[in-house]
């Protein structure tokens, strides 16, 4: 049900994880995304 609310996420490791591949046009955009994900992780403590 929750996967149905997300676009492009898939289960992995026999259903014990979810993952998604994000693609960008260059390294700068990739690292900006990584830093934003790190901020979310810190804020949510997950």
ModelCIF file with pLDDT and N, C-alpha, C, O atoms, coordinates in Angstrom:
data_MODEL
#
_entry.id   MODEL 
#
_entity.id                         1 
_entity.type                       polymer 
_entity.pdbx_number_of_molecules   1 
#
_entity_poly.entity_id                      1 
_entity_poly.type                           'polypeptide(L)' 
_entity_poly.nstd_linkage                   no 
_entity_poly.nstd_monomer                   no 
_entity_poly.pdbx_seq_one_letter_code       
;(UNK)(UNK)(UNK)(UNK)(UNK)(UNK)(UNK)(UNK)(UNK)(UNK)(UNK)(UNK)(UNK)(UNK)(UNK)(UNK)
(UNK)(UNK)(UNK)(UNK)(UNK)(UNK)(UNK)(UNK)(UNK)(UNK)(UNK)(UNK)(UNK)(UNK)(UNK)(UNK)
(UNK)(UNK)(UNK)(UNK)(UNK)(UNK)(UNK)(UNK)(UNK)(UNK)(UNK)(UNK)(UNK)(UNK)
;
_entity_poly.pdbx_seq_one_letter_code_can   XXXXXXXXXXXXXXXXXXXXXXXXXXXXXXXXXXXXXXXXXXXXXX 
_entity_poly.pdbx_strand_id                 A 
#
loop_
_entity_poly_seq.entity_id 
_entity_poly_seq.num 
_entity_poly_seq.mon_id 
_entity_poly_seq.hetero 
1 1  UNK n 
1 2  UNK n 
1 3  UNK n 
1 4  UNK n 
1 5  UNK n 
1 6  UNK n 
1 7  UNK n 
1 8  UNK n 
1 9  UNK n 
1 10 UNK n 
1 11 UNK n 
1 12 UNK n 
1 13 UNK n 
1 14 UNK n 
1 15 UNK n 
1 16 UNK n 
1 17 UNK n 
1 18 UNK n 
1 19 UNK n 
1 20 UNK n 
1 21 UNK n 
1 22 UNK n 
1 23 UNK n 
1 24 UNK n 
1 25 UNK n 
1 26 UNK n 
1 27 UNK n 
1 28 UNK n 
1 29 UNK n 
1 30 UNK n 
1 31 UNK n 
1 32 UNK n 
1 33 UNK n 
1 34 UNK n 
1 35 UNK n 
1 36 UNK n 
1 37 UNK n 
1 38 UNK n 
1 39 UNK n 
1 40 UNK n 
1 41 UNK n 
1 42 UNK n 
1 43 UNK n 
1 44 UNK n 
1 45 UNK n 
1 46 UNK n 
#
_struct_asym.id          A 
_struct_asym.entity_id   1 
#
loop_
_ma_qa_metric.id 
_ma_qa_metric.mode 
_ma_qa_metric.name 
_ma_qa_metric.software_group_id 
_ma_qa_metric.type 
1 global pLDDT . pLDDT 
2 local  pLDDT . pLDDT 
#
_ma_qa_metric_global.metric_id      1 
_ma_qa_metric_global.metric_value   97.07 
_ma_qa_metric_global.model_id       1 
_ma_qa_metric_global.ordinal_id     1 
#
loop_
_ma_qa_metric_local.label_asym_id 
_ma_qa_metric_local.label_comp_id 
_ma_qa_metric_local.label_seq_id 
_ma_qa_metric_local.metric_id 
_ma_qa_metric_local.metric_value 
_ma_qa_metric_local.model_id 
_ma_qa_metric_local.ordinal_id 
A UNK 1  2 96.00 1 1  
A UNK 2  2 97.00 1 2  
A UNK 3  2 97.00 1 3  
A UNK 4  2 96.00 1 4  
A UNK 5  2 95.00 1 5  
A UNK 6  2 97.00 1 6  
A UNK 7  2 96.00 1 7  
A UNK 8  2 97.00 1 8  
A UNK 9  2 98.00 1 9  
A UNK 10 2 98.00 1 10 
A UNK 11 2 97.00 1 11 
A UNK 12 2 94.00 1 12 
A UNK 13 2 92.00 1 13 
A UNK 14 2 90.00 1 14 
A UNK 15 2 92.00 1 15 
A UNK 16 2 95.00 1 16 
A UNK 17 2 98.00 1 17 
A UNK 18 2 98.00 1 18 
A UNK 19 2 98.00 1 19 
A UNK 20 2 98.00 1 20 
A UNK 21 2 98.00 1 21 
A UNK 22 2 98.00 1 22 
A UNK 23 2 98.00 1 23 
A UNK 24 2 98.00 1 24 
A UNK 25 2 97.00 1 25 
A UNK 26 2 98.00 1 26 
A UNK 27 2 98.00 1 27 
A UNK 28 2 98.00 1 28 
A UNK 29 2 97.00 1 29 
A UNK 30 2 98.00 1 30 
A UNK 31 2 98.00 1 31 
A UNK 32 2 98.00 1 32 
A UNK 33 2 98.00 1 33 
A UNK 34 2 98.00 1 34 
A UNK 35 2 98.00 1 35 
A UNK 36 2 98.00 1 36 
A UNK 37 2 98.00 1 37 
A UNK 38 2 98.00 1 38 
A UNK 39 2 98.00 1 39 
A UNK 40 2 98.00 1 40 
A UNK 41 2 98.00 1 41 
A UNK 42 2 98.00 1 42 
A UNK 43 2 98.00 1 43 
A UNK 44 2 98.00 1 44 
A UNK 45 2 98.00 1 45 
A UNK 46 2 98.00 1 46 
#
loop_
_atom_site.group_PDB 
_atom_site.id 
_atom_site.type_symbol 
_atom_site.label_atom_id 
_atom_site.label_alt_id 
_atom_site.label_comp_id 
_atom_site.label_asym_id 
_atom_site.label_entity_id 
_atom_site.label_seq_id 
_atom_site.pdbx_PDB_ins_code 
_atom_site.Cartn_x 
_atom_site.Cartn_y 
_atom_site.Cartn_z 
_atom_site.occupancy 
_atom_site.B_iso_or_equiv 
_atom_site.pdbx_formal_charge 
_atom_site.auth_seq_id 
_atom_site.auth_comp_id 
_atom_site.auth_asym_id 
_atom_site.auth_atom_id 
_atom_site.pdbx_PDB_model_num 
ATOM 1   N N  . UNK A 1 1  ? 0.830  -1.208 0.000   1.00 96.00 ? 1  UNK A N  1 
ATOM 2   C CA . UNK A 1 1  ? 0.000  0.000  0.000   1.00 96.00 ? 1  UNK A CA 1 
ATOM 3   C C  . UNK A 1 1  ? 0.864  1.258  0.000   1.00 96.00 ? 1  UNK A C  1 
ATOM 4   O O  . UNK A 1 1  ? 0.622  2.179  -0.781  1.00 96.00 ? 1  UNK A O  1 
ATOM 5   N N  . UNK A 1 2  ? 1.867  1.301  0.868   1.00 97.00 ? 2  UNK A N  1 
ATOM 6   C CA . UNK A 1 2  ? 2.734  2.485  0.921   1.00 97.00 ? 2  UNK A CA 1 
ATOM 7   C C  . UNK A 1 2  ? 3.563  2.630  -0.355  1.00 97.00 ? 2  UNK A C  1 
ATOM 8   O O  . UNK A 1 2  ? 3.800  3.748  -0.811  1.00 97.00 ? 2  UNK A O  1 
ATOM 9   N N  . UNK A 1 3  ? 4.004  1.517  -0.933  1.00 97.00 ? 3  UNK A N  1 
ATOM 10  C CA . UNK A 1 3  ? 4.733  1.604  -2.206  1.00 97.00 ? 3  UNK A CA 1 
ATOM 11  C C  . UNK A 1 3  ? 3.862  2.227  -3.285  1.00 97.00 ? 3  UNK A C  1 
ATOM 12  O O  . UNK A 1 3  ? 4.361  2.920  -4.172  1.00 97.00 ? 3  UNK A O  1 
ATOM 13  N N  . UNK A 1 4  ? 2.570  1.980  -3.208  1.00 96.00 ? 4  UNK A N  1 
ATOM 14  C CA . UNK A 1 4  ? 1.633  2.572  -4.163  1.00 96.00 ? 4  UNK A CA 1 
ATOM 15  C C  . UNK A 1 4  ? 1.561  4.088  -4.064  1.00 96.00 ? 4  UNK A C  1 
ATOM 16  O O  . UNK A 1 4  ? 1.139  4.760  -5.006  1.00 96.00 ? 4  UNK A O  1 
ATOM 17  N N  . UNK A 1 5  ? 1.975  4.623  -2.921  1.00 95.00 ? 5  UNK A N  1 
ATOM 18  C CA . UNK A 1 5  ? 1.988  6.080  -2.725  1.00 95.00 ? 5  UNK A CA 1 
ATOM 19  C C  . UNK A 1 5  ? 3.283  6.725  -3.218  1.00 95.00 ? 5  UNK A C  1 
ATOM 20  O O  . UNK A 1 5  ? 3.394  7.950  -3.263  1.00 95.00 ? 5  UNK A O  1 
ATOM 21  N N  . UNK A 1 6  ? 4.253  5.899  -3.583  1.00 97.00 ? 6  UNK A N  1 
ATOM 22  C CA . UNK A 1 6  ? 5.565  6.393  -4.012  1.00 97.00 ? 6  UNK A CA 1 
ATOM 23  C C  . UNK A 1 6  ? 5.801  6.016  -5.471  1.00 97.00 ? 6  UNK A C  1 
ATOM 24  O O  . UNK A 1 6  ? 5.368  4.958  -5.925  1.00 97.00 ? 6  UNK A O  1 
ATOM 25  N N  . UNK A 1 7  ? 6.478  6.874  -6.186  1.00 96.00 ? 7  UNK A N  1 
ATOM 26  C CA . UNK A 1 7  ? 6.757  6.591  -7.592  1.00 96.00 ? 7  UNK A CA 1 
ATOM 27  C C  . UNK A 1 7  ? 8.185  6.094  -7.771  1.00 96.00 ? 7  UNK A C  1 
ATOM 28  O O  . UNK A 1 7  ? 9.140  6.775  -7.394  1.00 96.00 ? 7  UNK A O  1 
ATOM 29  N N  . UNK A 1 8  ? 8.327  4.900  -8.350  1.00 97.00 ? 8  UNK A N  1 
ATOM 30  C CA . UNK A 1 8  ? 9.637  4.388  -8.716  1.00 97.00 ? 8  UNK A CA 1 
ATOM 31  C C  . UNK A 1 8  ? 10.400 3.653  -7.622  1.00 97.00 ? 8  UNK A C  1 
ATOM 32  O O  . UNK A 1 8  ? 11.486 3.136  -7.884  1.00 97.00 ? 8  UNK A O  1 
ATOM 33  N N  . UNK A 1 9  ? 9.877  3.592  -6.429  1.00 98.00 ? 9  UNK A N  1 
ATOM 34  C CA . UNK A 1 9  ? 10.535 2.867  -5.343  1.00 98.00 ? 9  UNK A CA 1 
ATOM 35  C C  . UNK A 1 9  ? 10.200 1.389  -5.468  1.00 98.00 ? 9  UNK A C  1 
ATOM 36  O O  . UNK A 1 9  ? 9.089  1.021  -5.849  1.00 98.00 ? 9  UNK A O  1 
ATOM 37  N N  . UNK A 1 10 ? 11.179 0.546  -5.142  1.00 98.00 ? 10 UNK A N  1 
ATOM 38  C CA . UNK A 1 10 ? 11.012 -0.901 -5.236  1.00 98.00 ? 10 UNK A CA 1 
ATOM 39  C C  . UNK A 1 10 ? 11.519 -1.552 -3.958  1.00 98.00 ? 10 UNK A C  1 
ATOM 40  O O  . UNK A 1 10 ? 12.342 -0.988 -3.237  1.00 98.00 ? 10 UNK A O  1 
ATOM 41  N N  . UNK A 1 11 ? 11.015 -2.743 -3.696  1.00 97.00 ? 11 UNK A N  1 
ATOM 42  C CA . UNK A 1 11 ? 11.526 -3.473 -2.543  1.00 97.00 ? 11 UNK A CA 1 
ATOM 43  C C  . UNK A 1 11 ? 12.845 -4.148 -2.919  1.00 97.00 ? 11 UNK A C  1 
ATOM 44  O O  . UNK A 1 11 ? 13.112 -4.426 -4.088  1.00 97.00 ? 11 UNK A O  1 
ATOM 45  N N  . UNK A 1 12 ? 13.648 -4.398 -1.908  1.00 94.00 ? 12 UNK A N  1 
ATOM 46  C CA . UNK A 1 12 ? 14.940 -5.082 -2.074  1.00 94.00 ? 12 UNK A CA 1 
ATOM 47  C C  . UNK A 1 12 ? 15.151 -5.979 -0.864  1.00 94.00 ? 12 UNK A C  1 
ATOM 48  O O  . UNK A 1 12 ? 14.422 -5.893 0.124   1.00 94.00 ? 12 UNK A O  1 
ATOM 49  N N  . UNK A 1 13 ? 16.148 -6.831 -0.956  1.00 92.00 ? 13 UNK A N  1 
ATOM 50  C CA . UNK A 1 13 ? 16.525 -7.698 0.163   1.00 92.00 ? 13 UNK A CA 1 
ATOM 51  C C  . UNK A 1 13 ? 15.332 -8.468 0.717   1.00 92.00 ? 13 UNK A C  1 
ATOM 52  O O  . UNK A 1 13 ? 15.070 -8.466 1.920   1.00 92.00 ? 13 UNK A O  1 
ATOM 53  N N  . UNK A 1 14 ? 14.610 -9.132 -0.198  1.00 90.00 ? 14 UNK A N  1 
ATOM 54  C CA . UNK A 1 14 ? 13.448 -9.950 0.182   1.00 90.00 ? 14 UNK A CA 1 
ATOM 55  C C  . UNK A 1 14 ? 12.401 -9.156 0.959   1.00 90.00 ? 14 UNK A C  1 
ATOM 56  O O  . UNK A 1 14 ? 11.775 -9.668 1.887   1.00 90.00 ? 14 UNK A O  1 
ATOM 57  N N  . UNK A 1 15 ? 12.224 -7.910 0.565   1.00 92.00 ? 15 UNK A N  1 
ATOM 58  C CA . UNK A 1 15 ? 11.187 -7.071 1.162   1.00 92.00 ? 15 UNK A CA 1 
ATOM 59  C C  . UNK A 1 15 ? 11.578 -6.364 2.443   1.00 92.00 ? 15 UNK A C  1 
ATOM 60  O O  . UNK A 1 15 ? 10.725 -5.770 3.103   1.00 92.00 ? 15 UNK A O  1 
ATOM 61  N N  . UNK A 1 16 ? 12.859 -6.415 2.813   1.00 95.00 ? 16 UNK A N  1 
ATOM 62  C CA . UNK A 1 16 ? 13.276 -5.765 4.060   1.00 95.00 ? 16 UNK A CA 1 
ATOM 63  C C  . UNK A 1 16 ? 13.825 -4.356 3.830   1.00 95.00 ? 16 UNK A C  1 
ATOM 64  O O  . UNK A 1 16 ? 14.284 -3.713 4.775   1.00 95.00 ? 16 UNK A O  1 
ATOM 65  N N  . UNK A 1 17 ? 13.783 -3.871 2.590   1.00 98.00 ? 17 UNK A N  1 
ATOM 66  C CA . UNK A 1 17 ? 14.277 -2.530 2.259   1.00 98.00 ? 17 UNK A CA 1 
ATOM 67  C C  . UNK A 1 17 ? 13.531 -2.012 1.036   1.00 98.00 ? 17 UNK A C  1 
ATOM 68  O O  . UNK A 1 17 ? 12.927 -2.780 0.287   1.00 98.00 ? 17 UNK A O  1 
ATOM 69  N N  . UNK A 1 18 ? 13.582 -0.699 0.847   1.00 98.00 ? 18 UNK A N  1 
ATOM 70  C CA . UNK A 1 18 ? 13.108 -0.081 -0.393  1.00 98.00 ? 18 UNK A CA 1 
ATOM 71  C C  . UNK A 1 18 ? 14.250 0.758  -0.952  1.00 98.00 ? 18 UNK A C  1 
ATOM 72  O O  . UNK A 1 18 ? 15.102 1.244  -0.208  1.00 98.00 ? 18 UNK A O  1 
ATOM 73  N N  . UNK A 1 19 ? 14.254 0.920  -2.279  1.00 98.00 ? 19 UNK A N  1 
ATOM 74  C CA . UNK A 1 19 ? 15.307 1.713  -2.908  1.00 98.00 ? 19 UNK A CA 1 
ATOM 75  C C  . UNK A 1 19 ? 14.797 2.351  -4.190  1.00 98.00 ? 19 UNK A C  1 
ATOM 76  O O  . UNK A 1 19 ? 13.803 1.927  -4.780  1.00 98.00 ? 19 UNK A O  1 
ATOM 77  N N  . UNK A 1 20 ? 15.529 3.398  -4.599  1.00 98.00 ? 20 UNK A N  1 
ATOM 78  C CA . UNK A 1 20 ? 15.211 4.089  -5.851  1.00 98.00 ? 20 UNK A CA 1 
ATOM 79  C C  . UNK A 1 20 ? 16.488 4.718  -6.386  1.00 98.00 ? 20 UNK A C  1 
ATOM 80  O O  . UNK A 1 20 ? 17.306 5.233  -5.623  1.00 98.00 ? 20 UNK A O  1 
ATOM 81  N N  . UNK A 1 21 ? 16.650 4.672  -7.694  1.00 98.00 ? 21 UNK A N  1 
ATOM 82  C CA . UNK A 1 21 ? 17.787 5.300  -8.362  1.00 98.00 ? 21 UNK A CA 1 
ATOM 83  C C  . UNK A 1 21 ? 17.359 6.657  -8.906  1.00 98.00 ? 21 UNK A C  1 
ATOM 84  O O  . UNK A 1 21 ? 16.392 6.759  -9.662  1.00 98.00 ? 21 UNK A O  1 
ATOM 85  N N  . UNK A 1 22 ? 18.088 7.691  -8.515  1.00 98.00 ? 22 UNK A N  1 
ATOM 86  C CA . UNK A 1 22 ? 17.851 9.052  -9.005  1.00 98.00 ? 22 UNK A CA 1 
ATOM 87  C C  . UNK A 1 22 ? 18.988 9.406  -9.946  1.00 98.00 ? 22 UNK A C  1 
ATOM 88  O O  . UNK A 1 22 ? 20.153 9.159  -9.636  1.00 98.00 ? 22 UNK A O  1 
ATOM 89  N N  . UNK A 1 23 ? 18.657 9.983  -11.095 1.00 98.00 ? 23 UNK A N  1 
ATOM 90  C CA . UNK A 1 23 ? 19.672 10.342 -12.086 1.00 98.00 ? 23 UNK A CA 1 
ATOM 91  C C  . UNK A 1 23 ? 19.676 11.846 -12.314 1.00 98.00 ? 23 UNK A C  1 
ATOM 92  O O  . UNK A 1 23 ? 18.632 12.499 -12.307 1.00 98.00 ? 23 UNK A O  1 
ATOM 93  N N  . UNK A 1 24 ? 20.891 12.384 -12.520 1.00 98.00 ? 24 UNK A N  1 
ATOM 94  C CA . UNK A 1 24 ? 21.089 13.825 -12.680 1.00 98.00 ? 24 UNK A CA 1 
ATOM 95  C C  . UNK A 1 24 ? 21.982 14.098 -13.874 1.00 98.00 ? 24 UNK A C  1 
ATOM 96  O O  . UNK A 1 24 ? 22.589 13.186 -14.435 1.00 98.00 ? 24 UNK A O  1 
ATOM 97  N N  . UNK A 1 25 ? 22.055 15.380 -14.260 1.00 97.00 ? 25 UNK A N  1 
ATOM 98  C CA . UNK A 1 25 ? 22.833 15.702 -15.456 1.00 97.00 ? 25 UNK A CA 1 
ATOM 99  C C  . UNK A 1 25 ? 24.325 15.852 -15.180 1.00 97.00 ? 25 UNK A C  1 
ATOM 100 O O  . UNK A 1 25 ? 25.126 15.821 -16.115 1.00 97.00 ? 25 UNK A O  1 
ATOM 101 N N  . UNK A 1 26 ? 24.716 16.014 -13.905 1.00 98.00 ? 26 UNK A N  1 
ATOM 102 C CA . UNK A 1 26 ? 26.147 16.158 -13.615 1.00 98.00 ? 26 UNK A CA 1 
ATOM 103 C C  . UNK A 1 26 ? 26.419 15.917 -12.131 1.00 98.00 ? 26 UNK A C  1 
ATOM 104 O O  . UNK A 1 26 ? 25.499 15.706 -11.342 1.00 98.00 ? 26 UNK A O  1 
ATOM 105 N N  . UNK A 1 27 ? 27.673 15.951 -11.779 1.00 98.00 ? 27 UNK A N  1 
ATOM 106 C CA . UNK A 1 27 ? 28.108 15.689 -10.412 1.00 98.00 ? 27 UNK A CA 1 
ATOM 107 C C  . UNK A 1 27 ? 27.590 16.736 -9.435  1.00 98.00 ? 27 UNK A C  1 
ATOM 108 O O  . UNK A 1 27 ? 27.186 16.408 -8.319  1.00 98.00 ? 27 UNK A O  1 
ATOM 109 N N  . UNK A 1 28 ? 27.605 17.984 -9.853  1.00 98.00 ? 28 UNK A N  1 
ATOM 110 C CA . UNK A 1 28 ? 27.133 19.076 -8.989  1.00 98.00 ? 28 UNK A CA 1 
ATOM 111 C C  . UNK A 1 28 ? 25.690 18.840 -8.551  1.00 98.00 ? 28 UNK A C  1 
ATOM 112 O O  . UNK A 1 28 ? 25.379 18.954 -7.366  1.00 98.00 ? 28 UNK A O  1 
ATOM 113 N N  . UNK A 1 29 ? 24.810 18.513 -9.490  1.00 97.00 ? 29 UNK A N  1 
ATOM 114 C CA . UNK A 1 29 ? 23.407 18.275 -9.160  1.00 97.00 ? 29 UNK A CA 1 
ATOM 115 C C  . UNK A 1 29 ? 23.253 17.025 -8.291  1.00 97.00 ? 29 UNK A C  1 
ATOM 116 O O  . UNK A 1 29 ? 22.418 16.985 -7.387  1.00 97.00 ? 29 UNK A O  1 
ATOM 117 N N  . UNK A 1 30 ? 24.062 16.012 -8.574  1.00 98.00 ? 30 UNK A N  1 
ATOM 118 C CA . UNK A 1 30 ? 24.025 14.795 -7.758  1.00 98.00 ? 30 UNK A CA 1 
ATOM 119 C C  . UNK A 1 30 ? 24.384 15.114 -6.317  1.00 98.00 ? 30 UNK A C  1 
ATOM 120 O O  . UNK A 1 30 ? 23.698 14.683 -5.390  1.00 98.00 ? 30 UNK A O  1 
ATOM 121 N N  . UNK A 1 31 ? 25.454 15.864 -6.129  1.00 98.00 ? 31 UNK A N  1 
ATOM 122 C CA . UNK A 1 31 ? 25.892 16.174 -4.764  1.00 98.00 ? 31 UNK A CA 1 
ATOM 123 C C  . UNK A 1 31 ? 24.933 17.127 -4.044  1.00 98.00 ? 31 UNK A C  1 
ATOM 124 O O  . UNK A 1 31 ? 24.786 17.045 -2.825  1.00 98.00 ? 31 UNK A O  1 
ATOM 125 N N  . UNK A 1 32 ? 24.293 18.011 -4.768  1.00 98.00 ? 32 UNK A N  1 
ATOM 126 C CA . UNK A 1 32 ? 23.284 18.876 -4.153  1.00 98.00 ? 32 UNK A CA 1 
ATOM 127 C C  . UNK A 1 32 ? 22.131 18.013 -3.632  1.00 98.00 ? 32 UNK A C  1 
ATOM 128 O O  . UNK A 1 32 ? 21.612 18.247 -2.540  1.00 98.00 ? 32 UNK A O  1 
ATOM 129 N N  . UNK A 1 33 ? 21.742 17.025 -4.421  1.00 98.00 ? 33 UNK A N  1 
ATOM 130 C CA . UNK A 1 33 ? 20.699 16.092 -3.999  1.00 98.00 ? 33 UNK A CA 1 
ATOM 131 C C  . UNK A 1 33 ? 21.146 15.307 -2.763  1.00 98.00 ? 33 UNK A C  1 
ATOM 132 O O  . UNK A 1 33 ? 20.388 15.180 -1.802  1.00 98.00 ? 33 UNK A O  1 
ATOM 133 N N  . UNK A 1 34 ? 22.362 14.786 -2.785  1.00 98.00 ? 34 UNK A N  1 
ATOM 134 C CA . UNK A 1 34 ? 22.887 14.022 -1.646  1.00 98.00 ? 34 UNK A CA 1 
ATOM 135 C C  . UNK A 1 34 ? 22.868 14.871 -0.379  1.00 98.00 ? 34 UNK A C  1 
ATOM 136 O O  . UNK A 1 34 ? 22.479 14.386 0.683   1.00 98.00 ? 34 UNK A O  1 
ATOM 137 N N  . UNK A 1 35 ? 23.277 16.117 -0.477  1.00 98.00 ? 35 UNK A N  1 
ATOM 138 C CA . UNK A 1 35 ? 23.265 17.004 0.688   1.00 98.00 ? 35 UNK A CA 1 
ATOM 139 C C  . UNK A 1 35 ? 21.844 17.267 1.187   1.00 98.00 ? 35 UNK A C  1 
ATOM 140 O O  . UNK A 1 35 ? 21.615 17.354 2.393   1.00 98.00 ? 35 UNK A O  1 
ATOM 141 N N  . UNK A 1 36 ? 20.907 17.390 0.278   1.00 98.00 ? 36 UNK A N  1 
ATOM 142 C CA . UNK A 1 36 ? 19.515 17.594 0.684   1.00 98.00 ? 36 UNK A CA 1 
ATOM 143 C C  . UNK A 1 36 ? 18.964 16.337 1.367   1.00 98.00 ? 36 UNK A C  1 
ATOM 144 O O  . UNK A 1 36 ? 18.227 16.437 2.348   1.00 98.00 ? 36 UNK A O  1 
ATOM 145 N N  . UNK A 1 37 ? 19.316 15.170 0.857   1.00 98.00 ? 37 UNK A N  1 
ATOM 146 C CA . UNK A 1 37 ? 18.899 13.911 1.487   1.00 98.00 ? 37 UNK A CA 1 
ATOM 147 C C  . UNK A 1 37 ? 19.513 13.801 2.885   1.00 98.00 ? 37 UNK A C  1 
ATOM 148 O O  . UNK A 1 37 ? 18.852 13.356 3.824   1.00 98.00 ? 37 UNK A O  1 
ATOM 149 N N  . UNK A 1 38 ? 20.767 14.202 3.018   1.00 98.00 ? 38 UNK A N  1 
ATOM 150 C CA . UNK A 1 38 ? 21.426 14.177 4.325   1.00 98.00 ? 38 UNK A CA 1 
ATOM 151 C C  . UNK A 1 38 ? 20.711 15.105 5.309   1.00 98.00 ? 38 UNK A C  1 
ATOM 152 O O  . UNK A 1 38 ? 20.574 14.769 6.485   1.00 98.00 ? 38 UNK A O  1 
ATOM 153 N N  . UNK A 1 39 ? 20.258 16.256 4.842   1.00 98.00 ? 39 UNK A N  1 
ATOM 154 C CA . UNK A 1 39 ? 19.524 17.192 5.701   1.00 98.00 ? 39 UNK A CA 1 
ATOM 155 C C  . UNK A 1 39 ? 18.214 16.563 6.176   1.00 98.00 ? 39 UNK A C  1 
ATOM 156 O O  . UNK A 1 39 ? 17.861 16.669 7.350   1.00 98.00 ? 39 UNK A O  1 
ATOM 157 N N  . UNK A 1 40 ? 17.501 15.914 5.268   1.00 98.00 ? 40 UNK A N  1 
ATOM 158 C CA . UNK A 1 40 ? 16.257 15.223 5.646   1.00 98.00 ? 40 UNK A CA 1 
ATOM 159 C C  . UNK A 1 40 ? 16.561 14.138 6.673   1.00 98.00 ? 40 UNK A C  1 
ATOM 160 O O  . UNK A 1 40 ? 15.858 14.013 7.676   1.00 98.00 ? 40 UNK A O  1 
ATOM 161 N N  . UNK A 1 41 ? 17.600 13.361 6.425   1.00 98.00 ? 41 UNK A N  1 
ATOM 162 C CA . UNK A 1 41 ? 17.967 12.276 7.342   1.00 98.00 ? 41 UNK A CA 1 
ATOM 163 C C  . UNK A 1 41 ? 18.277 12.812 8.732   1.00 98.00 ? 41 UNK A C  1 
ATOM 164 O O  . UNK A 1 41 ? 17.858 12.234 9.736   1.00 98.00 ? 41 UNK A O  1 
ATOM 165 N N  . UNK A 1 42 ? 18.999 13.900 8.787   1.00 98.00 ? 42 UNK A N  1 
ATOM 166 C CA . UNK A 1 42 ? 19.337 14.498 10.073  1.00 98.00 ? 42 UNK A CA 1 
ATOM 167 C C  . UNK A 1 42 ? 18.082 15.006 10.785  1.00 98.00 ? 42 UNK A C  1 
ATOM 168 O O  . UNK A 1 42 ? 17.890 14.774 11.978  1.00 98.00 ? 42 UNK A O  1 
ATOM 169 N N  . UNK A 1 43 ? 17.260 15.682 10.050  1.00 98.00 ? 43 UNK A N  1 
ATOM 170 C CA . UNK A 1 43 ? 16.050 16.263 10.637  1.00 98.00 ? 43 UNK A CA 1 
ATOM 171 C C  . UNK A 1 43 ? 15.078 15.194 11.128  1.00 98.00 ? 43 UNK A C  1 
ATOM 172 O O  . UNK A 1 43 ? 14.452 15.357 12.175  1.00 98.00 ? 43 UNK A O  1 
ATOM 173 N N  . UNK A 1 44 ? 14.952 14.102 10.375  1.00 98.00 ? 44 UNK A N  1 
ATOM 174 C CA . UNK A 1 44 ? 14.014 13.033 10.733  1.00 98.00 ? 44 UNK A CA 1 
ATOM 175 C C  . UNK A 1 44 ? 14.656 11.957 11.614  1.00 98.00 ? 44 UNK A C  1 
ATOM 176 O O  . UNK A 1 44 ? 13.958 11.087 12.134  1.00 98.00 ? 44 UNK A O  1 
ATOM 177 N N  . UNK A 1 45 ? 15.972 12.011 11.781  1.00 98.00 ? 45 UNK A N  1 
ATOM 178 C CA . UNK A 1 45 ? 16.725 10.999 12.520  1.00 98.00 ? 45 UNK A CA 1 
ATOM 179 C C  . UNK A 1 45 ? 16.468 9.598  11.960  1.00 98.00 ? 45 UNK A C  1 
ATOM 180 O O  . UNK A 1 45 ? 16.283 8.630  12.697  1.00 98.00 ? 45 UNK A O  1 
ATOM 181 N N  . UNK A 1 46 ? 16.464 9.532  10.634  1.00 98.00 ? 46 UNK A N  1 
ATOM 182 C CA . UNK A 1 46 ? 16.294 8.256  9.921   1.00 98.00 ? 46 UNK A CA 1 
ATOM 183 C C  . UNK A 1 46 ? 17.199 8.321  8.691   1.00 98.00 ? 46 UNK A C  1 
ATOM 184 O O  . UNK A 1 46 ? 17.249 7.370  7.911   1.00 98.00 ? 46 UNK A O  1 
#
